[in-house]
N, C-alpha and C. Protein backbone atom coordinates (compact mmCIF):
# COMPACT_ATOMS: atom_id res chain seq x y z
N MET A 1 63.00 107.45 77.59
CA MET A 1 64.28 107.46 76.88
C MET A 1 65.42 107.59 77.90
N PRO A 2 66.42 106.69 77.90
CA PRO A 2 67.49 106.76 78.91
C PRO A 2 68.33 108.00 78.72
N PRO A 3 68.88 108.55 79.82
CA PRO A 3 69.72 109.75 79.71
C PRO A 3 70.97 109.46 78.90
N GLU A 4 71.45 110.50 78.22
CA GLU A 4 72.66 110.34 77.41
C GLU A 4 73.86 110.08 78.31
N ARG A 5 74.66 109.11 77.93
CA ARG A 5 75.81 108.73 78.73
C ARG A 5 77.06 109.43 78.23
N ASN A 6 77.81 110.04 79.15
CA ASN A 6 79.07 110.66 78.77
C ASN A 6 80.10 109.58 78.45
N PRO A 7 80.94 109.80 77.45
CA PRO A 7 81.95 108.78 77.13
C PRO A 7 82.97 108.66 78.26
N SER A 8 83.45 107.45 78.47
CA SER A 8 84.50 107.24 79.47
C SER A 8 85.82 107.74 78.92
N ALA A 9 86.82 107.85 79.80
CA ALA A 9 88.15 108.26 79.35
C ALA A 9 88.70 107.27 78.33
N LEU A 10 88.44 105.97 78.54
CA LEU A 10 88.91 104.96 77.59
C LEU A 10 88.31 105.18 76.21
N GLU A 11 87.02 105.47 76.16
CA GLU A 11 86.37 105.68 74.87
C GLU A 11 86.92 106.92 74.18
N THR A 12 87.16 107.98 74.94
CA THR A 12 87.73 109.19 74.37
C THR A 12 89.11 108.92 73.79
N LEU A 13 89.92 108.17 74.54
CA LEU A 13 91.28 107.84 74.08
C LEU A 13 91.24 106.90 72.89
N ARG A 14 90.28 106.00 72.87
CA ARG A 14 90.14 105.08 71.74
C ARG A 14 89.88 105.84 70.45
N ASP A 15 89.10 106.92 70.56
CA ASP A 15 88.68 107.65 69.37
C ASP A 15 89.59 108.80 68.98
N ASP A 16 90.61 109.08 69.79
CA ASP A 16 91.50 110.21 69.50
C ASP A 16 92.96 109.76 69.60
N PRO A 17 93.57 109.38 68.47
CA PRO A 17 94.95 108.88 68.49
C PRO A 17 95.95 109.85 69.10
N SER A 18 95.76 111.15 68.89
CA SER A 18 96.68 112.14 69.43
C SER A 18 96.63 112.15 70.96
N GLU A 19 95.42 112.16 71.51
CA GLU A 19 95.28 112.11 72.97
C GLU A 19 95.80 110.79 73.52
N ARG A 20 95.59 109.73 72.77
CA ARG A 20 96.06 108.41 73.21
C ARG A 20 97.58 108.38 73.34
N ARG A 21 98.27 108.96 72.37
CA ARG A 21 99.74 108.99 72.44
C ARG A 21 100.21 109.81 73.65
N THR A 22 99.55 110.93 73.87
CA THR A 22 99.91 111.77 75.02
C THR A 22 99.67 111.02 76.33
N PHE A 23 98.55 110.30 76.39
CA PHE A 23 98.22 109.55 77.59
C PHE A 23 99.25 108.46 77.85
N LEU A 24 99.61 107.74 76.82
CA LEU A 24 100.58 106.66 76.99
C LEU A 24 101.93 107.19 77.46
N ARG A 25 102.30 108.36 77.00
CA ARG A 25 103.54 108.96 77.51
C ARG A 25 103.40 109.29 78.98
N SER A 26 102.20 109.71 79.39
CA SER A 26 102.00 110.10 80.80
C SER A 26 102.06 108.91 81.74
N VAL A 27 101.64 107.71 81.27
CA VAL A 27 101.70 106.54 82.15
C VAL A 27 103.06 105.86 82.07
N GLY A 28 103.91 106.31 81.15
CA GLY A 28 105.29 105.84 81.13
C GLY A 28 105.51 104.49 80.51
N GLY A 29 104.52 103.96 79.78
CA GLY A 29 104.72 102.67 79.13
C GLY A 29 104.73 101.54 80.13
N GLY A 30 105.34 100.41 79.76
CA GLY A 30 105.47 99.28 80.66
C GLY A 30 104.15 98.63 80.99
N ALA A 31 104.02 98.16 82.24
CA ALA A 31 102.86 97.37 82.65
C ALA A 31 101.57 98.18 82.58
N ALA A 32 101.62 99.46 82.97
CA ALA A 32 100.41 100.29 82.92
C ALA A 32 99.91 100.44 81.49
N ALA A 33 100.84 100.61 80.54
CA ALA A 33 100.46 100.73 79.13
C ALA A 33 99.88 99.42 78.62
N ALA A 34 100.42 98.29 79.07
CA ALA A 34 99.88 97.00 78.67
C ALA A 34 98.46 96.82 79.18
N THR A 35 98.21 97.24 80.42
CA THR A 35 96.87 97.18 80.97
C THR A 35 95.92 98.06 80.17
N PHE A 36 96.41 99.25 79.81
CA PHE A 36 95.61 100.18 79.01
C PHE A 36 95.23 99.53 77.67
N ALA A 37 96.17 98.87 77.03
CA ALA A 37 95.91 98.24 75.73
C ALA A 37 94.83 97.17 75.86
N PHE A 38 94.90 96.37 76.94
CA PHE A 38 93.90 95.34 77.15
C PHE A 38 92.53 95.96 77.39
N ALA A 39 92.48 96.97 78.27
CA ALA A 39 91.21 97.62 78.59
C ALA A 39 90.63 98.31 77.36
N LEU A 40 91.49 98.90 76.54
CA LEU A 40 91.05 99.58 75.33
C LEU A 40 90.44 98.59 74.35
N ALA A 41 91.06 97.44 74.21
CA ALA A 41 90.52 96.41 73.32
C ALA A 41 89.15 95.95 73.80
N ALA A 42 89.01 95.75 75.11
CA ALA A 42 87.72 95.34 75.67
C ALA A 42 86.67 96.42 75.48
N CYS A 43 87.09 97.67 75.63
CA CYS A 43 86.18 98.80 75.44
C CYS A 43 85.67 98.83 74.00
N GLY A 44 86.55 98.55 73.06
CA GLY A 44 86.17 98.59 71.66
C GLY A 44 85.22 97.49 71.27
N LYS A 45 85.21 96.38 72.03
CA LYS A 45 84.38 95.24 71.69
C LYS A 45 82.97 95.34 72.26
N LYS A 46 82.78 96.13 73.31
CA LYS A 46 81.47 96.16 73.94
C LYS A 46 80.50 97.04 73.17
N LYS A 47 79.23 96.73 73.27
CA LYS A 47 78.21 97.52 72.61
C LYS A 47 78.05 98.85 73.33
N ALA A 48 77.75 99.90 72.57
CA ALA A 48 77.67 101.24 73.14
C ALA A 48 76.67 101.33 74.27
N ALA A 49 75.54 100.61 74.14
CA ALA A 49 74.51 100.70 75.18
C ALA A 49 74.49 99.46 76.07
N GLY A 50 75.50 98.62 75.94
CA GLY A 50 75.51 97.36 76.66
C GLY A 50 76.17 97.45 78.01
N ALA A 51 76.44 96.30 78.57
CA ALA A 51 77.05 96.25 79.89
C ALA A 51 78.49 96.74 79.83
N GLN A 52 78.94 97.34 80.90
CA GLN A 52 80.32 97.76 81.00
C GLN A 52 81.18 96.52 81.22
N ILE A 53 82.51 96.68 81.12
CA ILE A 53 83.40 95.54 81.27
C ILE A 53 83.03 94.75 82.53
N GLY A 54 82.62 93.51 82.32
CA GLY A 54 82.30 92.66 83.46
C GLY A 54 81.14 93.14 84.31
N GLY A 55 80.34 94.07 83.82
CA GLY A 55 79.27 94.63 84.64
C GLY A 55 79.82 95.35 85.85
N ALA A 56 81.02 95.91 85.71
CA ALA A 56 81.74 96.40 86.88
C ALA A 56 81.10 97.60 87.54
N GLY A 57 80.18 98.26 86.86
CA GLY A 57 79.59 99.45 87.43
C GLY A 57 78.66 99.18 88.60
N VAL A 58 78.16 97.96 88.70
CA VAL A 58 77.20 97.64 89.74
C VAL A 58 77.88 97.69 91.11
N GLY A 59 77.31 98.46 92.02
CA GLY A 59 77.79 98.39 93.40
C GLY A 59 78.67 99.51 93.88
N THR A 60 79.24 100.33 92.99
CA THR A 60 80.15 101.37 93.47
C THR A 60 79.42 102.63 93.91
N ALA A 61 78.12 102.76 93.60
CA ALA A 61 77.39 103.98 93.96
C ALA A 61 77.36 104.19 95.46
N GLN A 62 77.48 103.11 96.23
CA GLN A 62 77.48 103.26 97.69
C GLN A 62 78.68 104.06 98.19
N TYR A 63 79.71 104.17 97.35
CA TYR A 63 80.91 104.92 97.72
C TYR A 63 80.90 106.36 97.21
N GLY A 64 79.90 106.72 96.42
CA GLY A 64 79.83 108.07 95.87
C GLY A 64 79.50 108.03 94.40
N GLU A 65 79.29 109.21 93.82
CA GLU A 65 78.91 109.30 92.42
C GLU A 65 80.14 109.39 91.52
N GLY A 66 80.02 108.85 90.31
CA GLY A 66 81.04 109.03 89.29
C GLY A 66 82.42 108.57 89.70
N ASP A 67 83.42 109.32 89.25
CA ASP A 67 84.81 108.95 89.53
C ASP A 67 85.11 108.94 91.02
N ALA A 68 84.50 109.85 91.77
CA ALA A 68 84.75 109.88 93.22
C ALA A 68 84.31 108.56 93.86
N GLY A 69 83.19 108.01 93.41
CA GLY A 69 82.72 106.74 93.93
C GLY A 69 83.65 105.59 93.57
N ILE A 70 84.13 105.61 92.32
CA ILE A 70 85.05 104.55 91.88
C ILE A 70 86.35 104.61 92.67
N VAL A 71 86.87 105.83 92.88
CA VAL A 71 88.11 105.97 93.63
C VAL A 71 87.91 105.55 95.09
N ASN A 72 86.78 105.89 95.67
CA ASN A 72 86.52 105.48 97.05
C ASN A 72 86.38 103.96 97.16
N TYR A 73 85.80 103.35 96.16
CA TYR A 73 85.71 101.89 96.10
C TYR A 73 87.12 101.29 96.12
N ALA A 74 88.01 101.83 95.27
CA ALA A 74 89.40 101.36 95.25
C ALA A 74 90.09 101.65 96.57
N LEU A 75 89.80 102.82 97.15
CA LEU A 75 90.43 103.20 98.42
C LEU A 75 90.06 102.23 99.53
N SER A 76 88.81 101.78 99.54
CA SER A 76 88.40 100.84 100.59
C SER A 76 89.19 99.54 100.50
N LEU A 77 89.52 99.13 99.26
CA LEU A 77 90.34 97.93 99.08
C LEU A 77 91.78 98.18 99.52
N GLU A 78 92.30 99.37 99.21
CA GLU A 78 93.67 99.70 99.61
C GLU A 78 93.79 99.81 101.13
N TYR A 79 92.76 100.33 101.78
CA TYR A 79 92.76 100.36 103.26
C TYR A 79 92.91 98.93 103.80
N LEU A 80 92.15 98.01 103.20
CA LEU A 80 92.17 96.63 103.67
C LEU A 80 93.55 96.00 103.45
N GLU A 81 94.14 96.24 102.28
CA GLU A 81 95.46 95.69 101.99
C GLU A 81 96.52 96.28 102.91
N ALA A 82 96.48 97.59 103.11
CA ALA A 82 97.46 98.24 103.98
C ALA A 82 97.36 97.71 105.40
N ALA A 83 96.12 97.52 105.87
CA ALA A 83 95.91 96.98 107.22
C ALA A 83 96.45 95.56 107.31
N PHE A 84 96.23 94.77 106.27
CA PHE A 84 96.71 93.39 106.27
C PHE A 84 98.23 93.34 106.41
N TYR A 85 98.94 94.12 105.60
CA TYR A 85 100.40 94.08 105.66
C TYR A 85 100.90 94.52 107.03
N SER A 86 100.29 95.54 107.59
CA SER A 86 100.70 96.01 108.91
C SER A 86 100.50 94.92 109.96
N LEU A 87 99.34 94.27 109.93
CA LEU A 87 99.05 93.23 110.91
C LEU A 87 99.92 91.99 110.69
N ALA A 88 100.19 91.65 109.42
CA ALA A 88 101.02 90.49 109.12
C ALA A 88 102.45 90.71 109.61
N ILE A 89 102.97 91.91 109.38
CA ILE A 89 104.32 92.23 109.86
C ILE A 89 104.37 92.18 111.39
N GLY A 90 103.33 92.70 112.02
CA GLY A 90 103.29 92.74 113.48
C GLY A 90 103.01 91.40 114.13
N SER A 91 102.60 90.40 113.34
CA SER A 91 102.25 89.09 113.91
C SER A 91 103.47 88.34 114.42
N GLY A 92 104.65 88.66 113.89
CA GLY A 92 105.86 87.94 114.28
C GLY A 92 106.03 86.60 113.59
N ASN A 93 105.14 86.29 112.65
CA ASN A 93 105.19 84.98 111.98
C ASN A 93 105.84 85.01 110.60
N LEU A 94 106.48 86.13 110.27
CA LEU A 94 107.21 86.23 109.01
C LEU A 94 108.67 86.53 109.30
N LYS A 95 109.54 85.90 108.54
CA LYS A 95 110.96 86.15 108.70
C LYS A 95 111.62 86.17 107.31
N GLY A 96 112.84 86.65 107.26
CA GLY A 96 113.61 86.59 106.03
C GLY A 96 112.98 87.36 104.89
N ARG A 97 113.03 86.76 103.68
CA ARG A 97 112.55 87.46 102.50
C ARG A 97 111.06 87.79 102.56
N PRO A 98 110.18 86.89 103.04
CA PRO A 98 108.77 87.27 103.14
C PRO A 98 108.57 88.53 103.97
N LEU A 99 109.26 88.63 105.10
CA LEU A 99 109.13 89.82 105.94
C LEU A 99 109.63 91.06 105.22
N GLU A 100 110.75 90.92 104.53
CA GLU A 100 111.32 92.04 103.78
C GLU A 100 110.35 92.52 102.70
N LEU A 101 109.76 91.57 101.96
CA LEU A 101 108.82 91.93 100.90
C LEU A 101 107.54 92.55 101.47
N PHE A 102 107.08 92.02 102.57
CA PHE A 102 105.85 92.56 103.15
C PHE A 102 106.05 94.00 103.61
N LYS A 103 107.21 94.31 104.12
CA LYS A 103 107.47 95.69 104.51
C LYS A 103 107.45 96.62 103.29
N ARG A 104 108.04 96.14 102.20
CA ARG A 104 108.04 96.94 100.97
C ARG A 104 106.64 97.07 100.39
N PHE A 105 105.92 95.94 100.30
CA PHE A 105 104.58 95.97 99.73
C PHE A 105 103.64 96.81 100.60
N GLY A 106 103.80 96.68 101.93
CA GLY A 106 102.97 97.47 102.82
C GLY A 106 103.18 98.96 102.63
N ALA A 107 104.44 99.37 102.45
CA ALA A 107 104.74 100.78 102.22
C ALA A 107 104.10 101.25 100.92
N GLU A 108 104.13 100.40 99.90
CA GLU A 108 103.52 100.77 98.61
C GLU A 108 102.01 100.87 98.71
N GLU A 109 101.39 99.98 99.49
CA GLU A 109 99.94 100.07 99.67
C GLU A 109 99.57 101.35 100.43
N ASN A 110 100.40 101.73 101.39
CA ASN A 110 100.14 102.99 102.09
C ASN A 110 100.27 104.18 101.16
N ASP A 111 101.21 104.11 100.21
CA ASP A 111 101.32 105.17 99.20
C ASP A 111 100.06 105.22 98.33
N HIS A 112 99.53 104.05 97.99
CA HIS A 112 98.29 104.01 97.22
C HIS A 112 97.16 104.69 98.01
N VAL A 113 97.10 104.40 99.30
CA VAL A 113 96.07 105.00 100.15
C VAL A 113 96.17 106.52 100.11
N LYS A 114 97.37 107.05 100.30
CA LYS A 114 97.54 108.50 100.31
C LYS A 114 97.15 109.12 98.98
N THR A 115 97.54 108.47 97.89
CA THR A 115 97.21 108.98 96.56
C THR A 115 95.71 108.98 96.33
N LEU A 116 95.04 107.91 96.68
CA LEU A 116 93.60 107.82 96.45
C LEU A 116 92.82 108.74 97.37
N GLU A 117 93.26 108.90 98.61
CA GLU A 117 92.60 109.86 99.50
C GLU A 117 92.67 111.26 98.90
N GLY A 118 93.85 111.64 98.40
CA GLY A 118 94.00 112.95 97.78
C GLY A 118 93.16 113.08 96.53
N THR A 119 93.06 112.01 95.76
CA THR A 119 92.27 112.04 94.54
C THR A 119 90.79 112.22 94.85
N VAL A 120 90.29 111.51 95.84
CA VAL A 120 88.88 111.66 96.23
C VAL A 120 88.60 113.11 96.63
N ARG A 121 89.48 113.68 97.43
CA ARG A 121 89.26 115.07 97.87
C ARG A 121 89.31 116.03 96.69
N SER A 122 90.22 115.77 95.74
CA SER A 122 90.33 116.65 94.57
C SER A 122 89.08 116.58 93.70
N LEU A 123 88.34 115.47 93.80
CA LEU A 123 87.10 115.29 93.04
C LEU A 123 85.89 115.81 93.81
N GLY A 124 86.13 116.38 94.99
CA GLY A 124 85.04 116.93 95.79
C GLY A 124 84.37 115.92 96.70
N GLY A 125 84.97 114.75 96.86
CA GLY A 125 84.38 113.72 97.71
C GLY A 125 85.07 113.62 99.06
N THR A 126 84.56 112.73 99.89
CA THR A 126 85.14 112.45 101.21
C THR A 126 85.65 111.02 101.21
N PRO A 127 86.89 110.79 101.65
CA PRO A 127 87.42 109.42 101.67
C PRO A 127 86.51 108.44 102.40
N ALA A 128 86.40 107.25 101.85
CA ALA A 128 85.57 106.20 102.44
C ALA A 128 86.06 105.86 103.84
N PRO A 129 85.16 105.37 104.69
CA PRO A 129 85.61 104.93 106.02
C PRO A 129 86.50 103.70 105.90
N ARG A 130 87.43 103.57 106.84
CA ARG A 130 88.31 102.40 106.82
C ARG A 130 87.53 101.16 107.26
N PRO A 131 87.68 100.07 106.53
CA PRO A 131 87.00 98.83 106.94
C PRO A 131 87.64 98.24 108.19
N LYS A 132 86.91 97.39 108.86
CA LYS A 132 87.42 96.71 110.05
C LYS A 132 87.88 95.32 109.64
N PRO A 133 89.20 95.09 109.59
CA PRO A 133 89.71 93.83 109.06
C PRO A 133 89.67 92.67 110.05
N SER A 134 89.66 91.46 109.49
CA SER A 134 89.73 90.25 110.30
C SER A 134 90.53 89.22 109.50
N PHE A 135 91.77 88.97 109.94
CA PHE A 135 92.66 88.06 109.21
C PHE A 135 93.17 86.96 110.12
N THR A 136 93.40 85.79 109.52
CA THR A 136 94.09 84.71 110.23
C THR A 136 95.57 84.82 109.89
N LEU A 137 96.40 85.00 110.92
CA LEU A 137 97.82 85.29 110.72
C LEU A 137 98.70 84.36 111.55
N ASP A 138 98.26 83.11 111.69
CA ASP A 138 98.95 82.22 112.63
C ASP A 138 100.12 81.44 112.03
N ASN A 139 100.30 81.50 110.68
CA ASN A 139 101.46 80.81 110.09
C ASN A 139 101.81 81.45 108.76
N PRO A 140 103.06 81.32 108.32
CA PRO A 140 103.52 82.01 107.10
C PRO A 140 102.73 81.64 105.85
N ASN A 141 102.38 80.36 105.68
CA ASN A 141 101.68 79.96 104.47
C ASN A 141 100.30 80.59 104.37
N THR A 142 99.59 80.66 105.48
CA THR A 142 98.28 81.31 105.50
C THR A 142 98.41 82.79 105.18
N ILE A 143 99.43 83.42 105.74
CA ILE A 143 99.66 84.85 105.50
C ILE A 143 99.96 85.10 104.02
N LEU A 144 100.83 84.27 103.43
CA LEU A 144 101.17 84.44 102.02
C LEU A 144 99.96 84.19 101.13
N ALA A 145 99.18 83.18 101.45
CA ALA A 145 97.98 82.87 100.65
C ALA A 145 96.98 84.02 100.71
N THR A 146 96.83 84.62 101.88
CA THR A 146 95.92 85.75 102.02
C THR A 146 96.43 86.95 101.23
N ALA A 147 97.72 87.20 101.30
CA ALA A 147 98.31 88.30 100.54
C ALA A 147 98.06 88.11 99.05
N ASN A 148 98.27 86.89 98.57
CA ASN A 148 98.06 86.60 97.15
C ASN A 148 96.61 86.85 96.75
N GLN A 149 95.70 86.44 97.61
CA GLN A 149 94.29 86.61 97.31
C GLN A 149 93.92 88.09 97.28
N LEU A 150 94.37 88.85 98.28
CA LEU A 150 94.04 90.27 98.34
C LEU A 150 94.62 91.04 97.15
N GLU A 151 95.88 90.75 96.80
CA GLU A 151 96.50 91.46 95.69
C GLU A 151 95.82 91.11 94.37
N SER A 152 95.44 89.86 94.19
CA SER A 152 94.75 89.44 92.97
C SER A 152 93.38 90.10 92.87
N ILE A 153 92.67 90.17 93.99
CA ILE A 153 91.37 90.84 94.01
C ILE A 153 91.54 92.32 93.65
N GLY A 154 92.56 92.95 94.25
CA GLY A 154 92.79 94.37 93.98
C GLY A 154 93.07 94.63 92.51
N ALA A 155 93.94 93.81 91.91
CA ALA A 155 94.28 94.00 90.49
C ALA A 155 93.04 93.84 89.62
N ALA A 156 92.25 92.83 89.89
CA ALA A 156 91.04 92.59 89.10
C ALA A 156 90.01 93.69 89.29
N ALA A 157 89.95 94.24 90.49
CA ALA A 157 88.99 95.31 90.77
C ALA A 157 89.31 96.57 89.99
N TYR A 158 90.58 96.95 89.93
CA TYR A 158 90.97 98.13 89.16
C TYR A 158 90.64 97.95 87.68
N LEU A 159 90.97 96.78 87.16
CA LEU A 159 90.71 96.52 85.75
C LEU A 159 89.22 96.52 85.46
N GLY A 160 88.44 96.05 86.41
CA GLY A 160 87.00 96.00 86.24
C GLY A 160 86.34 97.35 86.14
N GLN A 161 86.98 98.38 86.67
CA GLN A 161 86.42 99.73 86.64
C GLN A 161 86.97 100.60 85.50
N ALA A 162 87.93 100.08 84.77
CA ALA A 162 88.69 100.92 83.82
C ALA A 162 87.82 101.65 82.82
N ASP A 163 86.79 101.01 82.29
CA ASP A 163 86.03 101.67 81.23
C ASP A 163 84.86 102.50 81.76
N ARG A 164 84.81 102.68 83.08
CA ARG A 164 83.79 103.56 83.68
C ARG A 164 84.36 104.92 84.05
N ILE A 165 85.67 105.02 84.13
CA ILE A 165 86.32 106.24 84.63
C ILE A 165 86.23 107.35 83.59
N GLN A 166 85.86 108.54 84.05
CA GLN A 166 85.69 109.69 83.15
C GLN A 166 86.97 110.51 83.01
N SER A 167 87.74 110.63 84.07
CA SER A 167 88.94 111.47 84.09
C SER A 167 90.16 110.70 83.62
N LYS A 168 90.92 111.28 82.71
CA LYS A 168 92.14 110.63 82.24
C LYS A 168 93.16 110.53 83.36
N GLN A 169 93.19 111.51 84.26
CA GLN A 169 94.13 111.48 85.37
C GLN A 169 93.81 110.33 86.32
N VAL A 170 92.52 110.14 86.59
CA VAL A 170 92.10 109.03 87.45
C VAL A 170 92.39 107.70 86.76
N LEU A 171 92.14 107.62 85.46
CA LEU A 171 92.44 106.40 84.72
C LEU A 171 93.93 106.07 84.77
N ALA A 172 94.77 107.08 84.60
CA ALA A 172 96.22 106.85 84.65
C ALA A 172 96.64 106.31 86.01
N ALA A 173 96.08 106.88 87.08
CA ALA A 173 96.41 106.40 88.42
C ALA A 173 95.93 104.97 88.62
N ALA A 174 94.72 104.67 88.15
CA ALA A 174 94.16 103.33 88.31
C ALA A 174 95.00 102.29 87.58
N LEU A 175 95.42 102.60 86.36
CA LEU A 175 96.23 101.65 85.60
C LEU A 175 97.59 101.44 86.25
N SER A 176 98.18 102.52 86.77
CA SER A 176 99.48 102.40 87.42
C SER A 176 99.40 101.55 88.68
N ILE A 177 98.35 101.78 89.48
CA ILE A 177 98.19 100.99 90.70
C ILE A 177 97.87 99.55 90.36
N HIS A 178 97.02 99.34 89.36
CA HIS A 178 96.71 97.97 88.93
C HIS A 178 97.98 97.18 88.63
N SER A 179 98.91 97.82 87.91
CA SER A 179 100.13 97.10 87.52
C SER A 179 100.96 96.72 88.74
N VAL A 180 100.98 97.56 89.77
CA VAL A 180 101.71 97.25 91.00
C VAL A 180 101.03 96.11 91.76
N GLU A 181 99.70 96.16 91.84
CA GLU A 181 98.97 95.07 92.50
C GLU A 181 99.26 93.74 91.81
N ALA A 182 99.27 93.76 90.47
CA ALA A 182 99.53 92.54 89.72
C ALA A 182 100.95 92.02 89.97
N ARG A 183 101.92 92.94 90.07
CA ARG A 183 103.30 92.53 90.35
C ARG A 183 103.41 91.92 91.74
N HIS A 184 102.75 92.54 92.71
CA HIS A 184 102.75 91.97 94.06
C HIS A 184 102.22 90.53 94.02
N ALA A 185 101.07 90.36 93.35
CA ALA A 185 100.45 89.03 93.28
C ALA A 185 101.38 88.02 92.61
N ALA A 186 102.09 88.47 91.56
CA ALA A 186 102.99 87.56 90.84
C ALA A 186 104.14 87.10 91.72
N VAL A 187 104.72 88.04 92.48
CA VAL A 187 105.83 87.69 93.37
C VAL A 187 105.37 86.70 94.43
N ILE A 188 104.21 86.97 95.02
CA ILE A 188 103.71 86.09 96.08
C ILE A 188 103.34 84.72 95.52
N SER A 189 102.78 84.70 94.30
CA SER A 189 102.47 83.42 93.65
C SER A 189 103.72 82.58 93.49
N THR A 190 104.81 83.22 93.09
CA THR A 190 106.08 82.51 92.93
C THR A 190 106.54 81.92 94.25
N MET A 191 106.40 82.68 95.33
CA MET A 191 106.80 82.19 96.64
C MET A 191 105.96 81.00 97.09
N LEU A 192 104.71 80.95 96.61
CA LEU A 192 103.81 79.85 96.97
C LEU A 192 103.91 78.68 95.99
N GLY A 193 104.74 78.83 94.95
CA GLY A 193 104.86 77.78 93.96
C GLY A 193 103.66 77.69 93.04
N GLN A 194 102.94 78.81 92.88
CA GLN A 194 101.75 78.85 92.03
C GLN A 194 102.04 79.58 90.73
N PRO A 195 101.19 79.43 89.69
CA PRO A 195 101.40 80.13 88.43
C PRO A 195 101.43 81.64 88.61
N ILE A 196 102.35 82.29 87.90
CA ILE A 196 102.46 83.74 87.98
C ILE A 196 101.22 84.42 87.38
N SER A 197 100.69 83.85 86.30
CA SER A 197 99.51 84.42 85.64
C SER A 197 98.41 83.37 85.59
N PRO A 198 97.68 83.19 86.68
CA PRO A 198 96.68 82.11 86.76
C PRO A 198 95.55 82.24 85.76
N ASP A 199 95.30 83.47 85.25
CA ASP A 199 94.23 83.67 84.27
C ASP A 199 94.70 83.56 82.83
N GLY A 200 95.97 83.13 82.64
CA GLY A 200 96.48 82.99 81.29
C GLY A 200 97.09 84.29 80.78
N PRO A 201 97.10 84.50 79.44
CA PRO A 201 97.81 85.65 78.87
C PRO A 201 97.12 86.99 79.09
N PHE A 202 95.86 87.00 79.53
CA PHE A 202 95.13 88.24 79.72
C PHE A 202 94.55 88.31 81.14
N ALA A 203 94.78 89.46 81.78
CA ALA A 203 94.24 89.65 83.13
C ALA A 203 92.72 89.68 83.08
N ARG A 204 92.11 89.24 84.15
CA ARG A 204 90.65 89.14 84.19
C ARG A 204 90.07 90.22 85.11
N PRO A 205 89.14 91.06 84.60
CA PRO A 205 88.51 92.06 85.46
C PRO A 205 87.50 91.42 86.39
N ALA A 206 87.19 92.09 87.49
CA ALA A 206 86.19 91.59 88.43
C ALA A 206 85.14 92.66 88.68
N THR A 207 83.90 92.24 88.79
CA THR A 207 82.83 93.18 89.11
C THR A 207 82.95 93.62 90.57
N SER A 208 82.39 94.76 90.87
CA SER A 208 82.41 95.22 92.26
C SER A 208 81.59 94.30 93.15
N VAL A 209 80.56 93.67 92.59
CA VAL A 209 79.77 92.71 93.37
C VAL A 209 80.62 91.50 93.74
N ASP A 210 81.38 90.98 92.76
CA ASP A 210 82.26 89.84 93.04
C ASP A 210 83.35 90.22 94.03
N VAL A 211 83.92 91.41 93.87
CA VAL A 211 84.99 91.86 94.76
C VAL A 211 84.46 91.96 96.19
N THR A 212 83.28 92.54 96.34
CA THR A 212 82.69 92.69 97.67
C THR A 212 82.48 91.32 98.32
N SER A 213 82.04 90.35 97.52
CA SER A 213 81.84 89.00 98.03
C SER A 213 83.15 88.35 98.44
N GLN A 214 84.19 88.57 97.65
CA GLN A 214 85.49 87.93 97.91
C GLN A 214 86.19 88.49 99.14
N ILE A 215 85.99 89.77 99.44
CA ILE A 215 86.67 90.35 100.61
C ILE A 215 85.87 90.19 101.89
N ARG A 216 84.63 89.75 101.78
CA ARG A 216 83.77 89.65 102.98
C ARG A 216 84.39 88.80 104.09
N PRO A 217 85.07 87.67 103.77
CA PRO A 217 85.67 86.87 104.86
C PRO A 217 86.77 87.61 105.62
N PHE A 218 87.29 88.71 105.03
CA PHE A 218 88.37 89.44 105.68
C PHE A 218 87.87 90.67 106.46
N LEU A 219 86.57 90.75 106.63
CA LEU A 219 85.98 91.88 107.35
C LEU A 219 85.22 91.39 108.57
N THR A 220 85.23 92.20 109.62
CA THR A 220 84.42 91.86 110.80
C THR A 220 82.97 92.15 110.48
N ALA A 221 82.08 91.47 111.14
CA ALA A 221 80.65 91.64 110.90
C ALA A 221 80.18 93.01 111.30
């Protein structure tokens, strides 16, 4: 007989309207609340004993157990994004508005790193090791395309873990960061002349297996 599974924060909020209202006030509405609504709808549609959203649970155990593992998984992605912005700015191949935006986005990714490091420690875990990045930064278009890809991966990764998170505080942080990653991707898509919402009216979650595969080209062997 399989062990009893504790309900996720999303499931608890789905079943308790009073807690849900309090939670929505805590995330401040806006994009984070919209992400919550989408994740909540997906949570309500899945079978109780079935796969999690997108099978997203597969693969995060290497980063730790429970919420600490999920946060460390997200932290490893934020380390990669923060390193990318730093290296892109230092390459000397960005000027004008792209350079201005990269400085802003890089600062925000570093804030995400600090927040997630603190969250991991508060959960009794140890922050994941920083990955060793490998990026091609020889021209502005390549840099912008890489930024778009990394931000899109990050947004999908957060959404993919939403219905596994046990702590409401961790869920609130994940939804807030997801919304920022999505905004970054939208701005960069506009600069590249690409659709702002390539997945249509609903954001698409990504499994940790898919995310790991997608970031592999940006890591040294």
